[in-house]
Amino acid sequence: MDRLPGFRDFYPEPLPPTKDELWSMDARNYLFDTWRAVARRYGFREYDGPPLEPLELYTNKSGEEIVGQLFNFTDKGERAVAMRPEMTPTLARMAAAQERAYKKPFKWFSIPQLFRYEKQQKGRKREHFQLNCDILGEHDRAADAELVALLIDSLRALGLTNADFVVRLSSRNAWTELFASRCTDAAKSYDFFQIVDKLDRTRPEESAAKLAPLGFQLEEVQAFITSGQPNAELQLILNQLAARGLREYVRVDYGVIRGLAYYTGPVFEAFDIKGEFRAICGGGRYDHLIKQVSGGKVDLPALGFGMGDVVLLELLKSRGLLPQFTAGLNAYVLIEDESLRVDSLRLVQQLREAGLPTEFSLTPAKGDKQFKRALELNASHAVRLERQPDGSLIAKLKHLKSREEVVLAPSAVAQHLAH
């Protein structure tokens, strides 16, 4: 029986040789650990929510058309539910329920698994993990600069540089002003944004035909995009990023508009410089979503981004930036004399309680077989106990690369390995 299409199995390294696409659990943990470390450096606190939510939470935000992209069903309580396709609606629901308990602004992050029933493409599965970082309760554009800086540092912490990626910064407000200068029907602005968002994926004549009823020519829209002149809010963000030494990672690009209707201000996406992959990350300001989700009860400004693991892991692999993952054992305890098994188990336990990954043979085995196993597991040291003529025990600790050996009291092995 095989896994479902669009879903992934994660195996420990080293990955077995196969023609199938296999994903590394060690690489996933490395990515998550890095994400968490950087987010916490920025003062973000981790949260989570349920993977199953009321279907209405998503249709209320994105309309009924989103249902075709969801894993949704009617549960045993006759409730219409869906596996979460994104985290922002869950965050908005949670924030609306408990926002009085937190001093503003509050900065939260999460690494949820998300699900979408859609066509598989390069860099897109039917499930993925995603770093979500959000700042709630702050109108000032300093929060936008903070969030973009966090995005940049999250990628830099993985070894990526400004030769590998760029953050394209745009403004929904700038587009709204352009739209209002030609069309007074605000209800049509969403259609306008959708057309602009798909310009690079749509034939020019088709885009021109869609823009014409809204009072726009394709050439003037393209000219606005290529001008790249930051408005006041984008200039403030750029100035603050420059003060942090991060300006070289950002470019104003009005071609980024983010198709989701709930964005209200600055928006951004991160791309690899070579253009080999889909967007690495996307986000922006969504000041009205919490009010919408709460039915008008809570009005809280917010902004955030999501960074998926699929594209990012493929990018890191292509750039040779993933570490070599091993079992990472500090010691393999050799039990060549079965009369010393009890004492050896005591040593194994001491090493593990000291936080040192340790292995041993669960059943009796020849010494050379145990030594081979220690090498297979890439243990840094092999240790074996020997009983002296006076009945005392010594531990012989061998460094497996240098083959240097030291003799210690069993009680001193953990301290020696820790240093």
Protein backbone atom coordinates (compact mmCIF):
# COMPACT_ATOMS: atom_id res chain seq x y z
CA MET A 1 0.00 0.00 0.00
CA ASP A 2 1.43 3.37 -1.03
CA ARG A 3 0.97 6.81 0.47
CA LEU A 4 -1.70 9.14 -0.91
CA PRO A 5 -0.75 11.37 -3.87
CA GLY A 6 0.71 14.68 -2.79
CA PHE A 7 1.67 13.49 0.69
CA ARG A 8 5.17 12.73 1.96
CA ASP A 9 6.99 10.17 4.05
CA PHE A 10 9.92 11.48 6.10
CA TYR A 11 12.79 9.02 6.67
CA PRO A 12 15.86 9.27 8.94
CA GLU A 13 19.17 9.87 7.16
CA PRO A 14 20.87 8.34 5.30
CA LEU A 15 17.97 8.01 2.88
CA PRO A 16 17.68 4.58 1.23
CA PRO A 17 18.56 4.42 -2.50
CA THR A 18 15.33 4.42 -4.49
CA LYS A 19 13.74 6.01 -7.52
CA ASP A 20 10.90 7.26 -5.33
CA GLU A 21 10.93 10.79 -3.93
CA LEU A 22 11.98 10.53 -0.29
CA TRP A 23 12.08 13.33 2.26
CA SER A 24 14.55 13.64 5.12
CA MET A 25 13.25 13.84 8.67
CA ASP A 26 16.64 15.14 9.76
CA ALA A 27 16.46 17.98 7.23
CA ARG A 28 12.94 18.81 8.40
CA ASN A 29 14.08 18.97 12.02
CA TYR A 30 17.06 21.14 11.02
CA LEU A 31 14.70 23.53 9.26
CA PHE A 32 12.24 23.66 12.17
CA ASP A 33 15.03 24.16 14.73
CA THR A 34 16.45 27.05 12.71
CA TRP A 35 13.04 28.65 12.25
CA ARG A 36 12.32 28.42 15.98
CA ALA A 37 15.71 29.78 17.00
CA VAL A 38 15.45 32.88 14.78
CA ALA A 39 11.80 33.59 15.67
CA ARG A 40 12.62 33.43 19.37
CA ARG A 41 15.57 35.79 18.86
CA TYR A 42 13.02 38.31 17.59
CA GLY A 43 10.83 37.86 20.67
CA PHE A 44 8.16 35.72 18.98
CA ARG A 45 6.24 33.16 21.05
CA GLU A 46 5.05 29.84 19.65
CA TYR A 47 1.38 28.88 19.39
CA ASP A 48 -0.64 26.19 17.63
CA GLY A 49 -4.24 25.38 16.79
CA PRO A 50 -6.31 22.42 15.63
CA PRO A 51 -5.70 20.89 12.19
CA LEU A 52 -9.47 20.57 11.74
CA GLU A 53 -11.59 23.74 11.68
CA PRO A 54 -15.16 24.73 10.79
CA LEU A 55 -15.47 25.10 7.00
CA GLU A 56 -17.08 28.50 7.57
CA LEU A 57 -13.78 29.86 8.91
CA TYR A 58 -12.35 29.62 5.39
CA THR A 59 -15.41 30.42 3.29
CA ASN A 60 -16.02 33.51 5.43
CA LYS A 61 -12.55 34.77 4.51
CA SER A 62 -12.09 33.53 0.95
CA GLY A 63 -15.58 32.78 -0.38
CA GLU A 64 -17.22 29.53 -1.46
CA GLU A 65 -14.76 29.05 -4.32
CA ILE A 66 -12.08 27.93 -1.87
CA VAL A 67 -14.04 24.76 -1.06
CA GLY A 68 -12.71 23.08 -4.22
CA GLN A 69 -9.17 23.43 -2.84
CA LEU A 70 -9.90 21.91 0.57
CA PHE A 71 -9.99 18.52 2.24
CA ASN A 72 -13.49 19.01 3.66
CA PHE A 73 -16.30 16.76 4.86
CA THR A 74 -19.26 16.56 7.19
CA ASP A 75 -18.23 15.07 10.53
CA LYS A 76 -20.23 12.71 12.76
CA GLY A 77 -21.80 15.69 14.49
CA GLU A 78 -23.16 16.92 11.13
CA ARG A 79 -20.69 19.81 11.14
CA ALA A 80 -19.08 21.07 7.91
CA VAL A 81 -15.34 20.93 8.61
CA ALA A 82 -12.05 21.20 6.71
CA MET A 83 -8.40 20.35 7.24
CA ARG A 84 -6.66 23.70 7.64
CA PRO A 85 -5.26 25.01 4.33
CA GLU A 86 -3.58 28.01 5.99
CA MET A 87 -2.93 29.23 9.52
CA THR A 88 -3.98 32.88 9.39
CA PRO A 89 -7.74 32.26 9.89
CA THR A 90 -6.99 30.07 12.93
CA LEU A 91 -4.71 32.78 14.30
CA ALA A 92 -7.40 35.41 13.73
CA ARG A 93 -9.97 33.27 15.55
CA MET A 94 -7.62 32.64 18.48
CA ALA A 95 -6.54 36.28 18.72
CA ALA A 96 -10.13 37.53 18.64
CA ALA A 97 -11.04 35.17 21.48
CA GLN A 98 -8.16 36.06 23.82
CA GLU A 99 -6.68 39.37 22.69
CA ARG A 100 -7.47 41.07 26.03
CA ALA A 101 -5.12 38.66 27.80
CA TYR A 102 -2.07 39.88 25.85
CA LYS A 103 -0.31 43.24 25.84
CA LYS A 104 -0.10 44.78 22.36
CA PRO A 105 1.63 44.26 20.14
CA PHE A 106 2.09 40.52 20.51
CA LYS A 107 4.34 38.51 18.24
CA TRP A 108 3.47 34.87 17.61
CA PHE A 109 4.82 32.10 15.40
CA SER A 110 3.73 28.58 14.52
CA ILE A 111 4.92 25.68 12.33
CA PRO A 112 1.67 23.96 11.30
CA GLN A 113 1.07 21.23 8.77
CA LEU A 114 -1.35 22.53 6.14
CA PHE A 115 -3.50 20.72 3.57
CA ARG A 116 -4.82 21.70 0.15
CA TYR A 117 -6.53 19.46 -2.37
CA GLU A 118 -5.02 20.88 -5.54
CA LYS A 119 -2.94 19.87 -8.52
CA GLN A 120 0.59 18.85 -7.64
CA GLN A 121 3.34 20.96 -9.17
CA LYS A 122 7.05 21.51 -8.65
CA GLY A 123 7.41 22.86 -5.12
CA ARG A 124 3.76 22.23 -4.24
CA LYS A 125 2.24 19.21 -2.50
CA ARG A 126 -1.17 18.52 -1.02
CA GLU A 127 0.36 18.97 2.41
CA HIS A 128 3.28 21.00 3.66
CA PHE A 129 4.71 22.49 6.82
CA GLN A 130 4.98 26.24 7.08
CA LEU A 131 6.58 28.83 9.33
CA ASN A 132 3.94 31.43 10.16
CA CYS A 133 5.06 34.63 11.92
CA ASP A 134 2.58 37.38 12.80
CA ILE A 135 2.53 40.66 14.69
CA LEU A 136 -0.86 41.71 16.08
CA GLY A 137 -1.99 45.02 17.53
CA GLU A 138 0.43 47.43 15.80
CA HIS A 139 -0.46 49.92 13.05
CA ASP A 140 3.01 51.46 12.65
CA ARG A 141 5.04 50.40 9.63
CA ALA A 142 7.95 49.66 11.96
CA ALA A 143 6.18 46.34 12.52
CA ASP A 144 6.31 45.65 8.78
CA ALA A 145 10.05 46.31 8.78
CA GLU A 146 10.45 44.00 11.78
CA LEU A 147 8.62 41.20 10.00
CA VAL A 148 10.63 41.54 6.78
CA ALA A 149 13.84 41.56 8.82
CA LEU A 150 12.74 38.32 10.52
CA LEU A 151 12.08 36.78 7.12
CA ILE A 152 15.53 37.77 5.85
CA ASP A 153 17.30 36.49 8.96
CA SER A 154 15.37 33.21 8.84
CA LEU A 155 16.83 32.58 5.38
CA ARG A 156 20.29 33.85 6.26
CA ALA A 157 20.41 31.47 9.23
CA LEU A 158 20.10 28.62 6.73
CA GLY A 159 23.17 29.82 4.83
CA LEU A 160 21.38 31.73 2.07
CA THR A 161 22.75 35.13 1.03
CA ASN A 162 21.66 38.05 -1.14
CA ALA A 163 23.14 36.09 -4.05
CA ASP A 164 20.50 33.41 -3.40
CA PHE A 165 17.27 35.28 -2.67
CA VAL A 166 15.53 38.63 -2.83
CA VAL A 167 12.48 39.99 -1.01
CA ARG A 168 10.18 41.81 -3.40
CA LEU A 169 8.28 44.51 -1.55
CA SER A 170 5.05 46.06 -2.77
CA SER A 171 2.02 47.97 -1.47
CA ARG A 172 -1.66 47.23 -1.83
CA ASN A 173 -2.29 50.87 -0.89
CA ALA A 174 -0.30 52.05 -3.91
CA TRP A 175 -2.37 49.78 -6.16
CA THR A 176 -5.60 50.91 -4.48
CA GLU A 177 -4.71 54.54 -5.19
CA LEU A 178 -3.95 53.71 -8.83
CA PHE A 179 -7.24 51.84 -9.16
CA ALA A 180 -9.26 54.66 -7.56
CA SER A 181 -7.76 57.15 -10.02
CA ARG A 182 -9.52 55.35 -12.89
CA CYS A 183 -12.43 53.42 -11.42
CA THR A 184 -14.89 54.60 -8.78
CA ASP A 185 -16.50 51.19 -8.27
CA ALA A 186 -14.54 49.91 -5.26
CA ALA A 187 -16.31 46.54 -5.52
CA LYS A 188 -14.33 45.84 -8.68
CA SER A 189 -10.94 46.37 -7.00
CA TYR A 190 -10.68 42.67 -6.11
CA ASP A 191 -11.07 41.74 -9.79
CA PHE A 192 -8.38 44.27 -10.63
CA PHE A 193 -5.99 42.81 -8.05
CA GLN A 194 -6.60 39.29 -9.35
CA ILE A 195 -5.76 40.35 -12.91
CA VAL A 196 -2.56 42.10 -11.82
CA ASP A 197 -1.53 39.18 -9.61
CA LYS A 198 -1.67 36.84 -12.63
CA LEU A 199 -0.01 39.11 -15.22
CA ASP A 200 3.14 36.99 -15.48
CA ARG A 201 1.06 33.80 -15.88
CA THR A 202 -1.46 35.13 -18.41
CA ARG A 203 -1.12 35.96 -22.11
CA PRO A 204 -0.79 39.76 -22.58
CA GLU A 205 -3.82 40.01 -24.90
CA GLU A 206 -5.95 38.19 -22.34
CA SER A 207 -4.82 40.52 -19.53
CA ALA A 208 -5.45 43.57 -21.71
CA ALA A 209 -9.00 42.39 -22.47
CA LYS A 210 -9.73 41.95 -18.75
CA LEU A 211 -8.28 45.34 -17.79
CA ALA A 212 -10.10 47.36 -20.44
CA PRO A 213 -13.60 47.25 -18.82
CA LEU A 214 -11.99 48.60 -15.64
CA GLY A 215 -10.57 51.60 -17.49
CA PHE A 216 -6.95 50.47 -17.70
CA GLN A 217 -4.55 49.73 -20.49
CA LEU A 218 -2.05 46.93 -20.00
CA GLU A 219 0.86 49.22 -20.93
CA GLU A 220 0.17 51.70 -18.11
CA VAL A 221 -0.16 48.91 -15.55
CA GLN A 222 3.16 47.48 -16.71
CA ALA A 223 4.73 50.95 -16.55
CA PHE A 224 3.56 51.35 -12.94
CA ILE A 225 5.18 48.03 -12.08
CA THR A 226 8.50 48.79 -13.73
CA SER A 227 8.75 52.28 -12.18
CA GLY A 228 9.52 50.68 -8.79
CA GLN A 229 9.16 53.99 -6.96
CA PRO A 230 8.46 53.37 -3.26
CA ASN A 231 5.55 55.21 -1.73
CA ALA A 232 5.86 56.72 1.76
CA GLU A 233 5.06 53.52 3.68
CA LEU A 234 7.50 51.43 1.65
CA GLN A 235 10.22 54.06 2.04
CA LEU A 236 9.86 53.91 5.83
CA ILE A 237 10.27 50.11 5.73
CA LEU A 238 13.31 50.40 3.45
CA ASN A 239 14.93 52.98 5.75
CA GLN A 240 14.53 50.74 8.79
CA LEU A 241 15.91 47.73 6.94
CA ALA A 242 18.88 49.84 5.80
CA ALA A 243 19.55 50.77 9.43
CA ARG A 244 19.82 47.04 10.20
CA GLY A 245 22.17 46.42 7.27
CA LEU A 246 19.52 44.42 5.38
CA ARG A 247 18.61 46.81 2.56
CA GLU A 248 20.49 44.78 -0.08
CA TYR A 249 18.05 41.89 0.37
CA VAL A 250 14.98 43.92 -0.65
CA ARG A 251 13.71 45.34 -3.93
CA VAL A 252 10.55 47.34 -4.57
CA ASP A 253 8.48 45.37 -7.08
CA TYR A 254 4.88 46.38 -7.69
CA GLY A 255 4.43 43.17 -9.65
CA VAL A 256 3.89 41.55 -6.26
CA ILE A 257 0.31 42.15 -5.22
CA ARG A 258 -0.72 38.93 -3.39
CA GLY A 259 -4.03 37.64 -4.71
CA LEU A 260 -5.72 37.13 -1.35
CA ALA A 261 -8.41 39.71 -0.73
CA TYR A 262 -7.64 40.36 2.91
CA TYR A 263 -4.30 42.17 2.41
CA THR A 264 -4.53 45.89 3.18
CA GLY A 265 -1.05 47.46 3.02
CA PRO A 266 2.55 46.46 2.36
CA VAL A 267 2.91 42.97 0.86
CA PHE A 268 6.02 40.99 -0.01
CA GLU A 269 7.32 37.74 -1.41
CA ALA A 270 10.77 36.13 -1.32
CA PHE A 271 12.17 34.48 -4.45
CA ASP A 272 15.37 32.67 -5.32
CA ILE A 273 17.58 34.84 -7.50
CA LYS A 274 17.96 32.21 -10.24
CA GLY A 275 14.19 31.84 -10.63
CA GLU A 276 14.30 28.05 -10.42
CA PHE A 277 11.55 27.69 -7.81
CA ARG A 278 8.18 29.00 -6.77
CA ALA A 279 8.03 31.82 -4.20
CA ILE A 280 9.87 30.90 -1.00
CA CYS A 281 7.65 33.01 1.21
CA GLY A 282 4.80 35.50 1.05
CA GLY A 283 2.98 37.82 3.40
CA GLY A 284 1.81 41.29 4.24
CA ARG A 285 -0.53 43.40 6.31
CA TYR A 286 -4.15 42.31 6.90
CA ASP A 287 -5.65 44.91 9.22
CA HIS A 288 -9.31 43.93 8.76
CA LEU A 289 -9.25 40.13 8.92
CA ILE A 290 -9.61 39.74 12.69
CA LYS A 291 -12.58 42.11 12.64
CA GLN A 292 -14.12 40.04 9.85
CA VAL A 293 -13.53 36.69 11.58
CA SER A 294 -14.88 37.98 14.91
CA GLY A 295 -18.03 39.40 13.34
CA GLY A 296 -16.94 42.94 14.16
CA LYS A 297 -16.37 42.28 17.87
CA VAL A 298 -12.56 42.69 17.78
CA ASP A 299 -10.72 45.18 15.56
CA LEU A 300 -7.01 44.39 15.71
CA PRO A 301 -4.41 45.35 13.09
CA ALA A 302 -2.18 42.48 12.00
CA LEU A 303 0.52 41.42 9.58
CA GLY A 304 2.36 38.19 8.94
CA PHE A 305 4.08 35.83 6.53
CA GLY A 306 4.13 32.14 5.70
CA MET A 307 7.25 30.22 4.57
CA GLY A 308 6.69 26.66 3.32
CA ASP A 309 9.11 23.79 3.78
CA VAL A 310 8.78 22.20 0.31
CA VAL A 311 10.32 24.97 -1.80
CA LEU A 312 12.82 25.93 0.88
CA LEU A 313 14.18 22.40 1.32
CA GLU A 314 14.50 22.01 -2.45
CA LEU A 315 16.34 25.34 -2.63
CA LEU A 316 18.73 24.44 0.19
CA LYS A 317 19.43 21.07 -1.42
CA SER A 318 20.13 22.64 -4.82
CA ARG A 319 22.58 25.11 -3.23
CA GLY A 320 24.33 22.39 -1.21
CA LEU A 321 23.40 24.07 2.07
CA LEU A 322 21.91 21.12 3.93
CA PRO A 323 24.29 19.64 6.54
CA GLN A 324 25.39 16.02 6.46
CA PHE A 325 23.02 14.29 8.85
CA THR A 326 24.10 11.31 10.94
CA ALA A 327 22.85 9.49 14.00
CA GLY A 328 25.11 11.78 16.00
CA LEU A 329 26.15 9.25 18.64
CA ASN A 330 28.64 10.30 21.27
CA ALA A 331 29.38 6.73 22.27
CA TYR A 332 28.83 3.11 21.42
CA VAL A 333 29.29 0.87 24.44
CA LEU A 334 30.89 -2.42 23.46
CA ILE A 335 29.86 -5.40 25.57
CA GLU A 336 32.43 -8.05 24.69
CA ASP A 337 32.21 -9.80 28.08
CA GLU A 338 28.61 -10.73 28.89
CA SER A 339 29.48 -10.90 32.60
CA LEU A 340 29.85 -7.10 32.36
CA ARG A 341 26.47 -6.46 30.72
CA VAL A 342 24.85 -5.16 33.91
CA ASP A 343 27.76 -2.79 34.56
CA SER A 344 27.73 -1.74 30.90
CA LEU A 345 24.00 -0.99 31.02
CA ARG A 346 24.65 1.16 34.08
CA LEU A 347 27.24 3.09 32.05
CA VAL A 348 24.84 3.44 29.10
CA GLN A 349 22.23 4.91 31.41
CA GLN A 350 24.71 7.35 32.97
CA LEU A 351 25.77 8.62 29.55
CA ARG A 352 22.19 9.06 28.36
CA GLU A 353 21.19 10.87 31.54
CA ALA A 354 24.12 13.22 30.89
CA GLY A 355 22.50 14.08 27.55
CA LEU A 356 24.96 12.05 25.46
CA PRO A 357 23.38 9.94 22.67
CA THR A 358 24.60 6.40 23.31
CA GLU A 359 24.00 2.99 21.72
CA PHE A 360 24.91 -0.63 22.47
CA SER A 361 24.08 -4.13 21.25
CA LEU A 362 20.80 -5.31 22.71
CA THR A 363 21.84 -8.97 22.35
CA PRO A 364 25.19 -10.76 22.67
CA ALA A 365 27.40 -10.25 19.60
CA LYS A 366 31.03 -10.64 18.65
CA GLY A 367 33.27 -7.68 19.37
CA ASP A 368 34.13 -7.01 15.72
CA LYS A 369 30.43 -6.96 14.80
CA GLN A 370 29.72 -4.45 17.55
CA PHE A 371 32.67 -2.29 16.46
CA LYS A 372 31.40 -2.34 12.87
CA ARG A 373 28.00 -1.23 14.10
CA ALA A 374 29.59 1.67 15.98
CA LEU A 375 31.23 2.80 12.72
CA GLU A 376 27.96 2.40 10.77
CA LEU A 377 26.21 4.66 13.27
CA ASN A 378 29.03 7.21 13.00
CA ALA A 379 29.65 7.15 16.73
CA SER A 380 32.47 9.45 17.80
CA HIS A 381 33.72 7.07 20.51
CA ALA A 382 33.62 3.40 21.41
CA VAL A 383 33.85 2.48 25.08
CA ARG A 384 34.17 -0.87 26.77
CA LEU A 385 34.51 -1.90 30.39
CA GLU A 386 37.21 -4.23 31.68
CA ARG A 387 37.50 -5.80 35.12
CA GLN A 388 40.86 -5.49 36.80
CA PRO A 389 42.50 -8.30 38.84
CA ASP A 390 41.49 -6.51 42.04
CA GLY A 391 37.83 -6.59 40.91
CA SER A 392 37.59 -2.87 40.04
CA LEU A 393 36.32 -1.63 36.66
CA ILE A 394 38.04 0.58 34.11
CA ALA A 395 36.63 2.10 30.94
CA LYS A 396 38.67 2.17 27.74
CA LEU A 397 37.44 5.03 25.58
CA LYS A 398 38.57 5.09 21.94
CA HIS A 399 38.09 8.00 19.54
CA LEU A 400 37.00 6.25 16.35
CA LYS A 401 38.58 8.70 13.89
CA SER A 402 41.95 9.22 15.52
CA ARG A 403 42.00 5.77 17.18
CA GLU A 404 43.42 7.42 20.30
CA GLU A 405 42.46 5.59 23.49
CA VAL A 406 42.25 6.75 27.07
CA VAL A 407 41.62 4.76 30.24
CA LEU A 408 39.18 6.21 32.76
CA ALA A 409 37.08 5.30 35.73
CA PRO A 410 33.56 4.48 34.47
CA SER A 411 32.18 7.42 36.45
CA ALA A 412 34.46 9.83 34.51
CA VAL A 413 33.40 8.80 30.99
CA ALA A 414 30.41 11.15 30.77
CA GLN A 415 32.41 14.20 31.85
CA HIS A 416 35.19 13.33 29.40
CA LEU A 417 32.76 12.98 26.46
CA ALA A 418 30.95 16.19 27.37
CA HIS A 419 34.18 18.13 26.90
